[in-house]
mmCIF file of all heavy atoms, coordinates in Angstrom:
data_MODEL
# 
_entry.id   MODEL 
# 
loop_
_atom_site.group_PDB 
_atom_site.id 
_atom_site.type_symbol 
_atom_site.label_atom_id 
_atom_site.label_alt_id 
_atom_site.label_comp_id 
_atom_site.label_asym_id 
_atom_site.label_entity_id 
_atom_site.label_seq_id 
_atom_site.pdbx_PDB_ins_code 
_atom_site.Cartn_x 
_atom_site.Cartn_y 
_atom_site.Cartn_z 
_atom_site.occupancy 
_atom_site.B_iso_or_equiv 
_atom_site.pdbx_formal_charge 
_atom_site.auth_seq_id 
_atom_site.auth_comp_id 
_atom_site.auth_asym_id 
_atom_site.auth_atom_id 
_atom_site.pdbx_PDB_model_num 
ATOM 1   N N   . ARG A 1 1  ? 95.631  105.327 112.550 1.00 0.00 ? 1  ARG A N   1 
ATOM 2   C CA  . ARG A 1 1  ? 94.242  105.420 112.107 1.00 0.00 ? 1  ARG A CA  1 
ATOM 3   C C   . ARG A 1 1  ? 93.967  106.860 111.709 1.00 0.00 ? 1  ARG A C   1 
ATOM 4   O O   . ARG A 1 1  ? 94.371  107.789 112.408 1.00 0.00 ? 1  ARG A O   1 
ATOM 5   C CB  . ARG A 1 1  ? 93.298  105.022 113.229 1.00 0.00 ? 1  ARG A CB  1 
ATOM 6   C CG  . ARG A 1 1  ? 93.298  103.557 113.459 1.00 0.00 ? 1  ARG A CG  1 
ATOM 7   C CD  . ARG A 1 1  ? 91.855  103.044 113.400 1.00 0.00 ? 1  ARG A CD  1 
ATOM 8   N NE  . ARG A 1 1  ? 91.842  101.606 113.296 1.00 0.00 ? 1  ARG A NE  1 
ATOM 9   C CZ  . ARG A 1 1  ? 91.577  100.935 112.177 1.00 0.00 ? 1  ARG A CZ  1 
ATOM 10  N NH1 . ARG A 1 1  ? 91.291  101.572 111.088 1.00 0.00 ? 1  ARG A NH1 1 
ATOM 11  N NH2 . ARG A 1 1  ? 91.584  99.627  112.153 1.00 0.00 ? 1  ARG A NH2 1 
ATOM 12  N N   . VAL A 1 2  ? 93.283  107.040 110.598 1.00 0.00 ? 2  VAL A N   1 
ATOM 13  C CA  . VAL A 1 2  ? 92.984  108.394 110.130 1.00 0.00 ? 2  VAL A CA  1 
ATOM 14  C C   . VAL A 1 2  ? 91.478  108.570 109.998 1.00 0.00 ? 2  VAL A C   1 
ATOM 15  O O   . VAL A 1 2  ? 90.737  107.605 109.785 1.00 0.00 ? 2  VAL A O   1 
ATOM 16  C CB  . VAL A 1 2  ? 93.680  108.694 108.781 1.00 0.00 ? 2  VAL A CB  1 
ATOM 17  C CG1 . VAL A 1 2  ? 95.185  108.702 108.945 1.00 0.00 ? 2  VAL A CG1 1 
ATOM 18  C CG2 . VAL A 1 2  ? 93.263  107.724 107.698 1.00 0.00 ? 2  VAL A CG2 1 
ATOM 19  N N   . PRO A 1 3  ? 90.994  109.803 110.115 1.00 0.00 ? 3  PRO A N   1 
ATOM 20  C CA  . PRO A 1 3  ? 89.561  110.056 109.954 1.00 0.00 ? 3  PRO A CA  1 
ATOM 21  C C   . PRO A 1 3  ? 89.091  109.669 108.552 1.00 0.00 ? 3  PRO A C   1 
ATOM 22  O O   . PRO A 1 3  ? 89.846  109.796 107.580 1.00 0.00 ? 3  PRO A O   1 
ATOM 23  C CB  . PRO A 1 3  ? 89.440  111.568 110.160 1.00 0.00 ? 3  PRO A CB  1 
ATOM 24  C CG  . PRO A 1 3  ? 90.678  111.971 110.884 1.00 0.00 ? 3  PRO A CG  1 
ATOM 25  C CD  . PRO A 1 3  ? 91.745  111.008 110.458 1.00 0.00 ? 3  PRO A CD  1 
ATOM 26  N N   . GLU A 1 4  ? 87.865  109.201 108.468 1.00 0.00 ? 4  GLU A N   1 
ATOM 27  C CA  . GLU A 1 4  ? 87.283  108.842 107.173 1.00 0.00 ? 4  GLU A CA  1 
ATOM 28  C C   . GLU A 1 4  ? 87.373  110.027 106.225 1.00 0.00 ? 4  GLU A C   1 
ATOM 29  O O   . GLU A 1 4  ? 87.152  111.171 106.614 1.00 0.00 ? 4  GLU A O   1 
ATOM 30  C CB  . GLU A 1 4  ? 85.824  108.434 107.364 1.00 0.00 ? 4  GLU A CB  1 
ATOM 31  C CG  . GLU A 1 4  ? 85.195  107.885 106.113 1.00 0.00 ? 4  GLU A CG  1 
ATOM 32  C CD  . GLU A 1 4  ? 83.803  107.337 106.349 1.00 0.00 ? 4  GLU A CD  1 
ATOM 33  O OE1 . GLU A 1 4  ? 83.506  106.937 107.491 1.00 0.00 ? 4  GLU A OE1 1 
ATOM 34  O OE2 . GLU A 1 4  ? 83.025  107.332 105.391 1.00 0.00 ? 4  GLU A OE2 1 
ATOM 35  N N   . GLY A 1 5  ? 87.759  109.755 104.987 1.00 0.00 ? 5  GLY A N   1 
ATOM 36  C CA  . GLY A 1 5  ? 87.887  110.804 103.980 1.00 0.00 ? 5  GLY A CA  1 
ATOM 37  C C   . GLY A 1 5  ? 89.267  111.411 103.891 1.00 0.00 ? 5  GLY A C   1 
ATOM 38  O O   . GLY A 1 5  ? 89.532  112.221 103.004 1.00 0.00 ? 5  GLY A O   1 
ATOM 39  N N   . THR A 1 6  ? 90.158  111.042 104.811 1.00 0.00 ? 6  THR A N   1 
ATOM 40  C CA  . THR A 1 6  ? 91.526  111.569 104.777 1.00 0.00 ? 6  THR A CA  1 
ATOM 41  C C   . THR A 1 6  ? 92.365  110.824 103.754 1.00 0.00 ? 6  THR A C   1 
ATOM 42  O O   . THR A 1 6  ? 93.187  111.413 103.055 1.00 0.00 ? 6  THR A O   1 
ATOM 43  C CB  . THR A 1 6  ? 92.191  111.437 106.165 1.00 0.00 ? 6  THR A CB  1 
ATOM 44  O OG1 . THR A 1 6  ? 91.407  112.127 107.121 1.00 0.00 ? 6  THR A OG1 1 
ATOM 45  C CG2 . THR A 1 6  ? 93.590  112.002 106.173 1.00 0.00 ? 6  THR A CG2 1 
ATOM 46  N N   . SER A 1 7  ? 92.165  109.527 103.673 1.00 0.00 ? 7  SER A N   1 
ATOM 47  C CA  . SER A 1 7  ? 93.003  108.647 102.884 1.00 0.00 ? 7  SER A CA  1 
ATOM 48  C C   . SER A 1 7  ? 92.135  107.516 102.333 1.00 0.00 ? 7  SER A C   1 
ATOM 49  O O   . SER A 1 7  ? 91.046  107.274 102.859 1.00 0.00 ? 7  SER A O   1 
ATOM 50  C CB  . SER A 1 7  ? 94.107  108.092 103.799 1.00 0.00 ? 7  SER A CB  1 
ATOM 51  O OG  . SER A 1 7  ? 94.963  107.220 103.123 1.00 0.00 ? 7  SER A OG  1 
ATOM 52  N N   . PRO A 1 8  ? 92.589  106.812 101.293 1.00 0.00 ? 8  PRO A N   1 
ATOM 53  C CA  . PRO A 1 8  ? 91.778  105.717 100.749 1.00 0.00 ? 8  PRO A CA  1 
ATOM 54  C C   . PRO A 1 8  ? 91.524  104.586 101.749 1.00 0.00 ? 8  PRO A C   1 
ATOM 55  O O   . PRO A 1 8  ? 90.547  103.864 101.627 1.00 0.00 ? 8  PRO A O   1 
ATOM 56  C CB  . PRO A 1 8  ? 92.610  105.200 99.583  1.00 0.00 ? 8  PRO A CB  1 
ATOM 57  C CG  . PRO A 1 8  ? 93.572  106.263 99.255  1.00 0.00 ? 8  PRO A CG  1 
ATOM 58  C CD  . PRO A 1 8  ? 93.798  107.031 100.510 1.00 0.00 ? 8  PRO A CD  1 
ATOM 59  N N   . LEU A 1 9  ? 92.401  104.409 102.705 1.00 0.00 ? 9  LEU A N   1 
ATOM 60  C CA  . LEU A 1 9  ? 92.264  103.350 103.696 1.00 0.00 ? 9  LEU A CA  1 
ATOM 61  C C   . LEU A 1 9  ? 92.015  103.973 105.067 1.00 0.00 ? 9  LEU A C   1 
ATOM 62  O O   . LEU A 1 9  ? 92.248  105.166 105.263 1.00 0.00 ? 9  LEU A O   1 
ATOM 63  C CB  . LEU A 1 9  ? 93.537  102.493 103.720 1.00 0.00 ? 9  LEU A CB  1 
ATOM 64  C CG  . LEU A 1 9  ? 93.855  101.761 102.411 1.00 0.00 ? 9  LEU A CG  1 
ATOM 65  C CD1 . LEU A 1 9  ? 95.236  101.134 102.464 1.00 0.00 ? 9  LEU A CD1 1 
ATOM 66  C CD2 . LEU A 1 9  ? 92.800  100.716 102.109 1.00 0.00 ? 9  LEU A CD2 1 
ATOM 67  N N   . PRO A 1 10 ? 91.584  103.192 106.047 1.00 0.00 ? 10 PRO A N   1 
ATOM 68  C CA  . PRO A 1 10 ? 91.324  103.757 107.376 1.00 0.00 ? 10 PRO A CA  1 
ATOM 69  C C   . PRO A 1 10 ? 92.599  104.046 108.172 1.00 0.00 ? 10 PRO A C   1 
ATOM 70  O O   . PRO A 1 10 ? 92.539  104.516 109.293 1.00 0.00 ? 10 PRO A O   1 
ATOM 71  C CB  . PRO A 1 10 ? 90.488  102.675 108.063 1.00 0.00 ? 10 PRO A CB  1 
ATOM 72  C CG  . PRO A 1 10 ? 90.790  101.416 107.345 1.00 0.00 ? 10 PRO A CG  1 
ATOM 73  C CD  . PRO A 1 10 ? 91.142  101.799 105.941 1.00 0.00 ? 10 PRO A CD  1 
ATOM 74  N N   . TRP A 1 11 ? 93.752  103.766 107.605 1.00 0.00 ? 11 TRP A N   1 
ATOM 75  C CA  . TRP A 1 11 ? 95.032  104.052 108.237 1.00 0.00 ? 11 TRP A CA  1 
ATOM 76  C C   . TRP A 1 11 ? 95.940  104.695 107.184 1.00 0.00 ? 11 TRP A C   1 
ATOM 77  O O   . TRP A 1 11 ? 95.671  104.622 105.985 1.00 0.00 ? 11 TRP A O   1 
ATOM 78  C CB  . TRP A 1 11 ? 95.696  102.779 108.772 1.00 0.00 ? 11 TRP A CB  1 
ATOM 79  C CG  . TRP A 1 11 ? 95.849  101.726 107.701 1.00 0.00 ? 11 TRP A CG  1 
ATOM 80  C CD1 . TRP A 1 11 ? 94.998  100.696 107.442 1.00 0.00 ? 11 TRP A CD1 1 
ATOM 81  C CD2 . TRP A 1 11 ? 96.878  101.648 106.721 1.00 0.00 ? 11 TRP A CD2 1 
ATOM 82  N NE1 . TRP A 1 11 ? 95.436  99.977  106.358 1.00 0.00 ? 11 TRP A NE1 1 
ATOM 83  C CE2 . TRP A 1 11 ? 96.597  100.537 105.901 1.00 0.00 ? 11 TRP A CE2 1 
ATOM 84  C CE3 . TRP A 1 11 ? 98.019  102.396 106.462 1.00 0.00 ? 11 TRP A CE3 1 
ATOM 85  C CZ2 . TRP A 1 11 ? 97.399  100.176 104.834 1.00 0.00 ? 11 TRP A CZ2 1 
ATOM 86  C CZ3 . TRP A 1 11 ? 98.818  102.028 105.398 1.00 0.00 ? 11 TRP A CZ3 1 
ATOM 87  C CH2 . TRP A 1 11 ? 98.511  100.927 104.589 1.00 0.00 ? 11 TRP A CH2 1 
ATOM 88  N N   . ALA A 1 12 ? 96.981  105.321 107.646 1.00 0.00 ? 12 ALA A N   1 
ATOM 89  C CA  . ALA A 1 12 ? 97.996  105.878 106.745 1.00 0.00 ? 12 ALA A CA  1 
ATOM 90  C C   . ALA A 1 12 ? 99.343  105.743 107.434 1.00 0.00 ? 12 ALA A C   1 
ATOM 91  O O   . ALA A 1 12 ? 99.428  105.764 108.666 1.00 0.00 ? 12 ALA A O   1 
ATOM 92  C CB  . ALA A 1 12 ? 97.705  107.342 106.443 1.00 0.00 ? 12 ALA A CB  1 
ATOM 93  N N   . LEU A 1 13 ? 100.378 105.596 106.638 1.00 0.00 ? 13 LEU A N   1 
ATOM 94  C CA  . LEU A 1 13 ? 101.718 105.666 107.221 1.00 0.00 ? 13 LEU A CA  1 
ATOM 95  C C   . LEU A 1 13 ? 102.043 107.138 107.407 1.00 0.00 ? 13 LEU A C   1 
ATOM 96  O O   . LEU A 1 13 ? 101.732 107.971 106.554 1.00 0.00 ? 13 LEU A O   1 
ATOM 97  C CB  . LEU A 1 13 ? 102.765 105.025 106.304 1.00 0.00 ? 13 LEU A CB  1 
ATOM 98  C CG  . LEU A 1 13 ? 102.846 103.515 106.308 1.00 0.00 ? 13 LEU A CG  1 
ATOM 99  C CD1 . LEU A 1 13 ? 104.038 103.047 105.483 1.00 0.00 ? 13 LEU A CD1 1 
ATOM 100 C CD2 . LEU A 1 13 ? 102.936 102.937 107.709 1.00 0.00 ? 13 LEU A CD2 1 
ATOM 101 N N   . GLY A 1 14 ? 102.641 107.444 108.533 1.00 0.00 ? 14 GLY A N   1 
ATOM 102 C CA  . GLY A 1 14 ? 102.982 108.823 108.818 1.00 0.00 ? 14 GLY A CA  1 
ATOM 103 C C   . GLY A 1 14 ? 104.239 108.921 109.651 1.00 0.00 ? 14 GLY A C   1 
ATOM 104 O O   . GLY A 1 14 ? 104.843 107.919 110.040 1.00 0.00 ? 14 GLY A O   1 
ATOM 105 N N   . VAL A 1 15 ? 104.624 110.142 109.925 1.00 0.00 ? 15 VAL A N   1 
ATOM 106 C CA  . VAL A 1 15 ? 105.781 110.446 110.757 1.00 0.00 ? 15 VAL A CA  1 
ATOM 107 C C   . VAL A 1 15 ? 105.274 111.088 112.043 1.00 0.00 ? 15 VAL A C   1 
ATOM 108 O O   . VAL A 1 15 ? 104.460 112.025 111.996 1.00 0.00 ? 15 VAL A O   1 
ATOM 109 C CB  . VAL A 1 15 ? 106.757 111.387 110.011 1.00 0.00 ? 15 VAL A CB  1 
ATOM 110 C CG1 . VAL A 1 15 ? 107.889 111.837 110.917 1.00 0.00 ? 15 VAL A CG1 1 
ATOM 111 C CG2 . VAL A 1 15 ? 107.306 110.702 108.766 1.00 0.00 ? 15 VAL A CG2 1 
ATOM 112 N N   . HIS A 1 16 ? 105.743 110.583 113.167 1.00 0.00 ? 16 HIS A N   1 
ATOM 113 C CA  . HIS A 1 16 ? 105.294 111.105 114.454 1.00 0.00 ? 16 HIS A CA  1 
ATOM 114 C C   . HIS A 1 16 ? 105.891 112.486 114.691 1.00 0.00 ? 16 HIS A C   1 
ATOM 115 O O   . HIS A 1 16 ? 107.080 112.715 114.460 1.00 0.00 ? 16 HIS A O   1 
ATOM 116 C CB  . HIS A 1 16 ? 105.714 110.161 115.587 1.00 0.00 ? 16 HIS A CB  1 
ATOM 117 C CG  . HIS A 1 16 ? 105.169 110.584 116.904 1.00 0.00 ? 16 HIS A CG  1 
ATOM 118 N ND1 . HIS A 1 16 ? 105.923 111.241 117.832 1.00 0.00 ? 16 HIS A ND1 1 
ATOM 119 C CD2 . HIS A 1 16 ? 103.927 110.482 117.427 1.00 0.00 ? 16 HIS A CD2 1 
ATOM 120 C CE1 . HIS A 1 16 ? 105.182 111.508 118.886 1.00 0.00 ? 16 HIS A CE1 1 
ATOM 121 N NE2 . HIS A 1 16 ? 103.963 111.054 118.666 1.00 0.00 ? 16 HIS A NE2 1 
ATOM 122 N N   . ILE A 1 17 ? 105.038 113.396 115.161 1.00 0.00 ? 17 ILE A N   1 
ATOM 123 C CA  . ILE A 1 17 ? 105.478 114.758 115.464 1.00 0.00 ? 17 ILE A CA  1 
ATOM 124 C C   . ILE A 1 17 ? 105.666 114.918 116.972 1.00 0.00 ? 17 ILE A C   1 
ATOM 125 O O   . ILE A 1 17 ? 106.772 115.155 117.444 1.00 0.00 ? 17 ILE A O   1 
ATOM 126 C CB  . ILE A 1 17 ? 104.461 115.804 114.941 1.00 0.00 ? 17 ILE A CB  1 
ATOM 127 C CG1 . ILE A 1 17 ? 104.194 115.599 113.441 1.00 0.00 ? 17 ILE A CG1 1 
ATOM 128 C CG2 . ILE A 1 17 ? 104.951 117.215 115.223 1.00 0.00 ? 17 ILE A CG2 1 
ATOM 129 C CD1 . ILE A 1 17 ? 105.413 115.655 112.556 1.00 0.00 ? 17 ILE A CD1 1 
ATOM 130 N N   . GLN A 1 18 ? 104.596 114.781 117.721 1.00 0.00 ? 18 GLN A N   1 
ATOM 131 C CA  . GLN A 1 18 ? 104.659 114.883 119.181 1.00 0.00 ? 18 GLN A CA  1 
ATOM 132 C C   . GLN A 1 18 ? 103.325 114.445 119.764 1.00 0.00 ? 18 GLN A C   1 
ATOM 133 O O   . GLN A 1 18 ? 102.316 114.459 119.077 1.00 0.00 ? 18 GLN A O   1 
ATOM 134 C CB  . GLN A 1 18 ? 104.970 116.316 119.629 1.00 0.00 ? 18 GLN A CB  1 
ATOM 135 C CG  . GLN A 1 18 ? 103.878 117.314 119.277 1.00 0.00 ? 18 GLN A CG  1 
ATOM 136 C CD  . GLN A 1 18 ? 104.244 118.733 119.646 1.00 0.00 ? 18 GLN A CD  1 
ATOM 137 O OE1 . GLN A 1 18 ? 105.266 118.982 120.276 1.00 0.00 ? 18 GLN A OE1 1 
ATOM 138 N NE2 . GLN A 1 18 ? 103.413 119.680 119.263 1.00 0.00 ? 18 GLN A NE2 1 
ATOM 139 N N   . GLY A 1 19 ? 103.333 114.055 121.035 1.00 0.00 ? 19 GLY A N   1 
ATOM 140 C CA  . GLY A 1 19 ? 102.098 113.621 121.683 1.00 0.00 ? 19 GLY A CA  1 
ATOM 141 C C   . GLY A 1 19 ? 101.409 112.556 120.864 1.00 0.00 ? 19 GLY A C   1 
ATOM 142 O O   . GLY A 1 19 ? 101.990 111.531 120.544 1.00 0.00 ? 19 GLY A O   1 
ATOM 143 N N   . GLU A 1 20 ? 100.152 112.801 120.494 1.00 0.00 ? 20 GLU A N   1 
ATOM 144 C CA  . GLU A 1 20 ? 99.413  111.886 119.626 1.00 0.00 ? 20 GLU A CA  1 
ATOM 145 C C   . GLU A 1 20 ? 99.360  112.390 118.186 1.00 0.00 ? 20 GLU A C   1 
ATOM 146 O O   . GLU A 1 20 ? 98.591  111.894 117.371 1.00 0.00 ? 20 GLU A O   1 
ATOM 147 C CB  . GLU A 1 20 ? 97.985  111.697 120.153 1.00 0.00 ? 20 GLU A CB  1 
ATOM 148 C CG  . GLU A 1 20 ? 97.903  110.919 121.430 1.00 0.00 ? 20 GLU A CG  1 
ATOM 149 C CD  . GLU A 1 20 ? 96.463  110.574 121.793 1.00 0.00 ? 20 GLU A CD  1 
ATOM 150 O OE1 . GLU A 1 20 ? 95.536  110.893 121.020 1.00 0.00 ? 20 GLU A OE1 1 
ATOM 151 O OE2 . GLU A 1 20 ? 96.281  109.981 122.860 1.00 0.00 ? 20 GLU A OE2 1 
ATOM 152 N N   . GLU A 1 21 ? 100.165 113.395 117.843 1.00 0.00 ? 21 GLU A N   1 
ATOM 153 C CA  . GLU A 1 21 ? 100.112 114.002 116.512 1.00 0.00 ? 21 GLU A CA  1 
ATOM 154 C C   . GLU A 1 21 ? 101.044 113.304 115.525 1.00 0.00 ? 21 GLU A C   1 
ATOM 155 O O   . GLU A 1 21 ? 102.224 113.095 115.807 1.00 0.00 ? 21 GLU A O   1 
ATOM 156 C CB  . GLU A 1 21 ? 100.483 115.481 116.588 1.00 0.00 ? 21 GLU A CB  1 
ATOM 157 C CG  . GLU A 1 21 ? 99.495  116.295 117.385 1.00 0.00 ? 21 GLU A CG  1 
ATOM 158 C CD  . GLU A 1 21 ? 99.913  117.738 117.529 1.00 0.00 ? 21 GLU A CD  1 
ATOM 159 O OE1 . GLU A 1 21 ? 101.103 118.060 117.318 1.00 0.00 ? 21 GLU A OE1 1 
ATOM 160 O OE2 . GLU A 1 21 ? 99.036  118.550 117.856 1.00 0.00 ? 21 GLU A OE2 1 
ATOM 161 N N   . TRP A 1 22 ? 100.475 112.999 114.357 1.00 0.00 ? 22 TRP A N   1 
ATOM 162 C CA  . TRP A 1 22 ? 101.197 112.357 113.261 1.00 0.00 ? 22 TRP A CA  1 
ATOM 163 C C   . TRP A 1 22 ? 100.994 113.172 111.991 1.00 0.00 ? 22 TRP A C   1 
ATOM 164 O O   . TRP A 1 22 ? 99.897  113.644 111.717 1.00 0.00 ? 22 TRP A O   1 
ATOM 165 C CB  . TRP A 1 22 ? 100.651 110.956 113.027 1.00 0.00 ? 22 TRP A CB  1 
ATOM 166 C CG  . TRP A 1 22 ? 100.964 110.018 114.136 1.00 0.00 ? 22 TRP A CG  1 
ATOM 167 C CD1 . TRP A 1 22 ? 100.289 109.885 115.322 1.00 0.00 ? 22 TRP A CD1 1 
ATOM 168 C CD2 . TRP A 1 22 ? 102.036 109.096 114.185 1.00 0.00 ? 22 TRP A CD2 1 
ATOM 169 N NE1 . TRP A 1 22 ? 100.883 108.933 116.094 1.00 0.00 ? 22 TRP A NE1 1 
ATOM 170 C CE2 . TRP A 1 22 ? 101.956 108.418 115.410 1.00 0.00 ? 22 TRP A CE2 1 
ATOM 171 C CE3 . TRP A 1 22 ? 103.058 108.753 113.295 1.00 0.00 ? 22 TRP A CE3 1 
ATOM 172 C CZ2 . TRP A 1 22 ? 102.864 107.435 115.779 1.00 0.00 ? 22 TRP A CZ2 1 
ATOM 173 C CZ3 . TRP A 1 22 ? 103.959 107.769 113.655 1.00 0.00 ? 22 TRP A CZ3 1 
ATOM 174 C CH2 . TRP A 1 22 ? 103.863 107.120 114.883 1.00 0.00 ? 22 TRP A CH2 1 
ATOM 175 N N   . ALA A 1 23 ? 102.038 113.318 111.205 1.00 0.00 ? 23 ALA A N   1 
ATOM 176 C CA  . ALA A 1 23 ? 101.943 113.922 109.877 1.00 0.00 ? 23 ALA A CA  1 
ATOM 177 C C   . ALA A 1 23 ? 101.711 112.798 108.887 1.00 0.00 ? 23 ALA A C   1 
ATOM 178 O O   . ALA A 1 23 ? 102.482 111.831 108.845 1.00 0.00 ? 23 ALA A O   1 
ATOM 179 C CB  . ALA A 1 23 ? 103.226 114.664 109.535 1.00 0.00 ? 23 ALA A CB  1 
ATOM 180 N N   . VAL A 1 24 ? 100.632 112.896 108.109 1.00 0.00 ? 24 VAL A N   1 
ATOM 181 C CA  . VAL A 1 24 ? 100.317 111.882 107.106 1.00 0.00 ? 24 VAL A CA  1 
ATOM 182 C C   . VAL A 1 24 ? 99.943  112.575 105.795 1.00 0.00 ? 24 VAL A C   1 
ATOM 183 O O   . VAL A 1 24 ? 99.446  113.702 105.787 1.00 0.00 ? 24 VAL A O   1 
ATOM 184 C CB  . VAL A 1 24 ? 99.156  110.951 107.540 1.00 0.00 ? 24 VAL A CB  1 
ATOM 185 C CG1 . VAL A 1 24 ? 99.507  110.200 108.806 1.00 0.00 ? 24 VAL A CG1 1 
ATOM 186 C CG2 . VAL A 1 24 ? 97.856  111.700 107.693 1.00 0.00 ? 24 VAL A CG2 1 
# 
């Protein structure tokens, strides 16, 4: 799930970095 305005959809595919952090 991504914050509103980050991506066209409310989710994005990403790569996990650590903890709860994702690169999208």
